[in-house]
């Protein structure tokens, strides 16, 4: 029987029941082909921050069901669509156990194995400097291991992820308007909406384009992670002199201190996810309305980025993990071009 840690008060029991109802409803939506209904296109009008309750498990576990597992030859056991939800009984479920050697070697960013002597993680709460709370609420703990709140992935252990349970990341979406040689905003010829651009990096590990971002360090504030990751991956700040770093900091201050909005906060469909470890992120949009701040910043790939550039935003983008969805939400917020097909009208 799944066990919730720490001990179960009535309030927590209700929270878990609520999560079960959500998962059950999502499973029903998937089974009856409702997962990507027209109402899903209007999602951001209903849930401005968290899409966890709106999309089916099939949406979430698309990339998290792919094989081989990144950086390995390990194949996940196959999980049919109707067996993703934990609420669906599956006595013959036999996931593959895999944790990368780079994680098992004991780096500072990784937990020990569950049964290691002296390791007593406090799941569903702040554990010293490590945040083990999920952005999506309480998750179950079974046989000492956290259970992926969205469902089965065909693989147990931690894979490439350091933490048991949620692994927290931050994704800064830095945008500006596309402009012509005269400095005027460029509108899309079909929709008439202005075209938005964002700073994209090409990941070294898989070659896919993505939002620059990375893991939140223990004890680090999300705002600090967002700023640090952008500097390291898009501006190559790690290879800059102290003087150059100080200049970059000054230029970025205006961008990161102005009004911004949280695009998304929660679970991410990521190819590294397992039954016991998963990615969660907070994606935040920092918009340079005039273009003056970013025009003077020299983009240079650094850290684990293979390349960096400004990318025109449209639905044709194919990005890493759930990043295309985050970008779509930014265009909705900014009233920018996304698709030549407007889709159904959204209810007010």
Foldseek 3Di string as FASTA:
>chain_A
DWDFPPDDDPVQVVVVVVLVVLLVVLLVCVVVVNQDPLQVVVVCVPPQAACSSPGHLCVQADLLQDDDQFPDNRHFDDADSNQFAPVDDDPPQDAAEDADPVQQVDDPQADHPQPDPPDDDRACQCGQLDGRNFPSGTFIADPSFTFDSSGARRYDDQHHHRYFHEFEKEFEWEKEWDADPVQHFDADPQPRFTWMKTKWFQFQRPRFIFGQMTTADRNHDNLVRNVVRCCCFWQVLVPDDPVVNVVLCVLCCVQSVDDKAWRYWGFWSASRDHRTYGYTYTYMYGYDYSCVSVVPGDTDGHDRTPDIDIDTAELPGDGHTCRNVSVVSVCVVVVGYYYSDPRDDHDD
